[in-house]
Amino acid sequence: MKKLVILLSFLILGVISCKKDVSPVVTPPTLDELARDYLFNAMNLDYFWYNLMPVVVKTDYKDPYELLDAMEYKTLDRWSFVQTYDEYQAQTQGTFVGHGISMGLDPSNQVRIAQIYTLSPLYSKGVRRGWIVKNLNGTDLAPIFIARDKAAYNQLIGPSSADVTNTFLFQTPAGKDSTITSTKASFTLNTVILADTLHLKSGITGHLVFDQFIPPSNLELQTAFSFFNQNNIKDLIVDLRYNGGGVLNVLANMASYIAGSTKFNSPFLNVTFNDKNTASNFTYNFNTVSYPLSITKLIVITTRETASASEDFINGLKPILDVRTLGDTTNGKPVGMVGIPYQTSYMFWPISFSLVNSSGQGEFYKGFPPEKYVPDDFTHDWNDRNEACLKEAIYYLEHGNVSSKGLYVNQPSVKFSEKPDKINNAYIIKK
């Protein structure tokens, strides 16, 4: 009997021992956690300010969005971001879902169309920049804009999804009311908003309104500069007031048309990475292009939305050309990023490099102040010579200096756009 008790005791202990040796169930990491970990490693290797980042424990954050926010060097970094891979693909291809507009509040507290794309649903119905938007879906928009309530605006206009329908009550430039029902749709946005010529006292001047630097822009720019070249323009006005940047090789192409044939293959912008990646440093040269110009003056119209690659356009051409800016101070982004894909789920855009021109000038974190502050006048269409910024640019070219008429208090206008806020970067697409 005693042997039986001892035997049973051993059996019980064995069972207990076996239970203790069972491995715990391991939950595999989620896609967001794997992406977070990948970003953590990338930030420590590629981030321009890696040595100034806050110290974080990556597992304290559930996804790459939260991690990046925690790791940014916020003293200077206002731009690093995470997006889905699908968002990235749509951005670089110029595809868009919406009505194709942005709206702004004019000085008399009326909401107007500030920007509209040629292939957008509302453009085909005759809507243009400067039209007054009296209400949207029966709601007066002015109080929403005065309160700067973007959440209310987004709720009213609805998500960026095809088949979302809105009803607008417009007032046309002729003073007539026009009710238009528009359904959001997918379309390809044009980046050359306008390319025309102005016959001024100073000579024939090109006028280019350009929206963003994306790969499809190259063909549009070729067409625009072919037109300018055929018209033998003497000077050029480039309107970048809503241009938040884009791909640097597209920027180099555009700048090359303006620099002219004598500058082909000479330095344009120098790209410098952090001290872990000095082997990646390189120089963008002016490219050989088919329709180079030979101009004497370049006027650039700017706002606070003029950012990154648009600022590099100004900075990169300054050593070789008389460049003047009018409008408002630019965004102040002298740095850029290399996109880091994570599978086909995410694109990470940490600041990766700085940019200086061929004279070594950069670090314009306070932006470029204009020769004269001029309001963003969306009460007029782009080619209307009474539009405040265009009018001042014409005055400068014809008189050699800014006008002294009137005073402008620097107060950026309230403007809401369907275009994602994060499209304001200078970036390199990794091959």
Foldseek 3Di string as FASTA:
>chain_A
DVVVVVVVVVVVVVVVVVVVPDDDDDDDQDPQLVQLVVVVVCLCQFFQVNVQFDDDDSVVDNGNQVNCVRGDNVVQDPFWGKDWLVVVVCVQQQKFWFQAFKWFQDPVLFIWTQDGFCPGQVVVVPHAFQKTFCDKQPHGCSVCLVVLPVVVVDVRRDDRDFQRKMWTWIQDPVRDTDIDITTIDMDGGAQFRDWDWDQAPLGIEIETEGAEQHVVNQVVLLVRLVVCLVVQHAEYEYEHAQYQYYEQVSLLANLLQELFDVQAFPFQKWKAFHPSPRVPTDTDGRHDDDRHHDYAEYEYEYDQNCFASSLSSQQRCVVRHHYFYEAAFYNADQFAFEWDDDDNTMITTRTRIGMHYPVRDTNRNVGDGGLAHWHQASNDGPPDCVGTRNVQVSVCSRPVHGDPPDHDDPDHIRMGDSDDPSNRGYYHYDD
